[in-house]
Amino acid sequence: MAVFNFISAFYFVGKLNNLVILHYNVYLGVDLMGDRNQIYLIPLVGLSFGLANFVLAAYFFLKKERMLSHILSLATLIIQLGVSVASGSLILINYF
């Protein structure tokens, strides 16, 4: 999923202006604007959490702590789903 987030961000960000919306609040509207390269921070943070959880899950799997390994893998999936929603929202707000 992290690769999909980077590919979709790269595809859509290239077509945007230099100033993009980075955060949108339903009550106040646009809260934060910045450079278009800052959109890549969300997939990068998701990838770093995913890699850290993968390394920990592999370590615990080799130490015969299978349950903890499965919990970390599930947490990685949940984090990646949240990152996908956040990236999709940014693309939807800015591109369409």
Protein backbone atom coordinates (compact mmCIF):
# COMPACT_ATOMS: atom_id res chain seq x y z
CA MET A 1 0.00 0.00 0.00
CA ALA A 2 2.88 2.37 0.71
CA VAL A 3 4.08 2.02 -2.87
CA PHE A 4 0.57 2.76 -4.14
CA ASN A 5 0.46 5.91 -1.96
CA PHE A 6 3.75 7.14 -3.39
CA ILE A 7 2.75 6.37 -6.97
CA SER A 8 -0.63 8.08 -6.67
CA ALA A 9 0.91 11.11 -4.93
CA PHE A 10 3.62 11.34 -7.59
CA TYR A 11 1.08 11.07 -10.40
CA PHE A 12 -1.28 13.72 -9.07
CA VAL A 13 1.20 16.11 -7.44
CA GLY A 14 3.00 16.72 -10.72
CA LYS A 15 -0.14 18.37 -12.07
CA LEU A 16 -0.65 20.72 -9.10
CA ASN A 17 0.52 24.26 -8.51
CA ASN A 18 3.35 25.00 -6.09
CA LEU A 19 0.97 25.95 -3.26
CA VAL A 20 -1.34 23.14 -2.14
CA ILE A 21 -3.77 22.44 0.68
CA LEU A 22 -2.16 20.21 3.31
CA HIS A 23 -4.95 20.15 5.89
CA TYR A 24 -8.66 20.79 5.63
CA ASN A 25 -11.04 21.12 8.55
CA VAL A 26 -14.79 20.76 8.09
CA TYR A 27 -15.55 23.59 10.52
CA LEU A 28 -12.89 26.11 9.52
CA GLY A 29 -12.01 25.13 5.98
CA VAL A 30 -8.38 25.23 4.89
CA ASP A 31 -6.06 25.16 7.90
CA LEU A 32 -2.65 24.58 6.38
CA MET A 33 -1.14 25.29 3.00
CA GLY A 34 2.37 24.53 1.84
CA ASP A 35 4.70 23.38 -0.90
CA ARG A 36 3.51 20.53 -3.08
CA ASN A 37 6.47 18.36 -2.07
CA GLN A 38 5.15 18.23 1.50
CA ILE A 39 2.37 15.90 0.32
CA TYR A 40 5.02 13.15 0.20
CA LEU A 41 5.49 13.35 3.98
CA ILE A 42 2.35 11.34 4.74
CA PRO A 43 3.34 8.28 2.65
CA LEU A 44 6.90 8.60 3.97
CA VAL A 45 5.75 8.46 7.59
CA GLY A 46 3.47 5.52 6.77
CA LEU A 47 6.37 3.72 5.09
CA SER A 48 8.66 4.31 8.07
CA PHE A 49 6.06 2.95 10.50
CA GLY A 50 5.46 0.00 8.20
CA LEU A 51 9.15 -0.82 7.94
CA ALA A 52 9.66 -0.49 11.70
CA ASN A 53 6.70 -2.78 12.38
CA PHE A 54 7.92 -5.26 9.77
CA VAL A 55 11.38 -5.44 11.35
CA LEU A 56 9.88 -5.88 14.82
CA ALA A 57 7.40 -8.48 13.58
CA ALA A 58 10.17 -10.46 11.88
CA TYR A 59 12.29 -10.28 15.03
CA PHE A 60 9.48 -11.50 17.27
CA PHE A 61 8.49 -14.18 14.76
CA LEU A 62 12.00 -15.61 14.89
CA LYS A 63 11.88 -15.51 18.70
CA LYS A 64 8.71 -17.67 18.61
CA GLU A 65 6.45 -14.81 19.73
CA ARG A 66 3.97 -15.43 16.95
CA MET A 67 1.03 -13.60 18.52
CA LEU A 68 2.98 -10.37 18.93
CA SER A 69 4.19 -10.71 15.35
CA HIS A 70 0.60 -10.99 14.11
CA ILE A 71 -0.47 -7.99 16.18
CA LEU A 72 2.31 -5.88 14.70
CA SER A 73 1.36 -7.01 11.20
CA LEU A 74 -2.27 -6.05 11.82
CA ALA A 75 -1.17 -2.68 13.19
CA THR A 76 0.83 -2.12 10.01
CA LEU A 77 -2.25 -2.84 7.90
CA ILE A 78 -4.36 -0.41 9.93
CA ILE A 79 -1.69 2.30 9.71
CA GLN A 80 -1.39 1.83 5.96
CA LEU A 81 -5.16 2.08 5.53
CA GLY A 82 -5.16 5.34 7.49
CA VAL A 83 -2.29 6.68 5.42
CA SER A 84 -4.14 5.72 2.24
CA VAL A 85 -7.24 7.60 3.39
CA ALA A 86 -5.17 10.67 4.33
CA SER A 87 -3.27 10.65 1.02
CA GLY A 88 -6.47 10.12 -0.93
CA SER A 89 -8.12 13.00 0.88
CA LEU A 90 -5.23 15.34 0.06
CA ILE A 91 -5.32 14.31 -3.57
CA LEU A 92 -9.10 14.69 -3.70
CA ILE A 93 -9.02 18.16 -2.10
CA ASN A 94 -6.23 19.49 -4.29
CA TYR A 95 -6.76 17.80 -7.62
CA PHE A 96 -10.51 17.73 -8.10
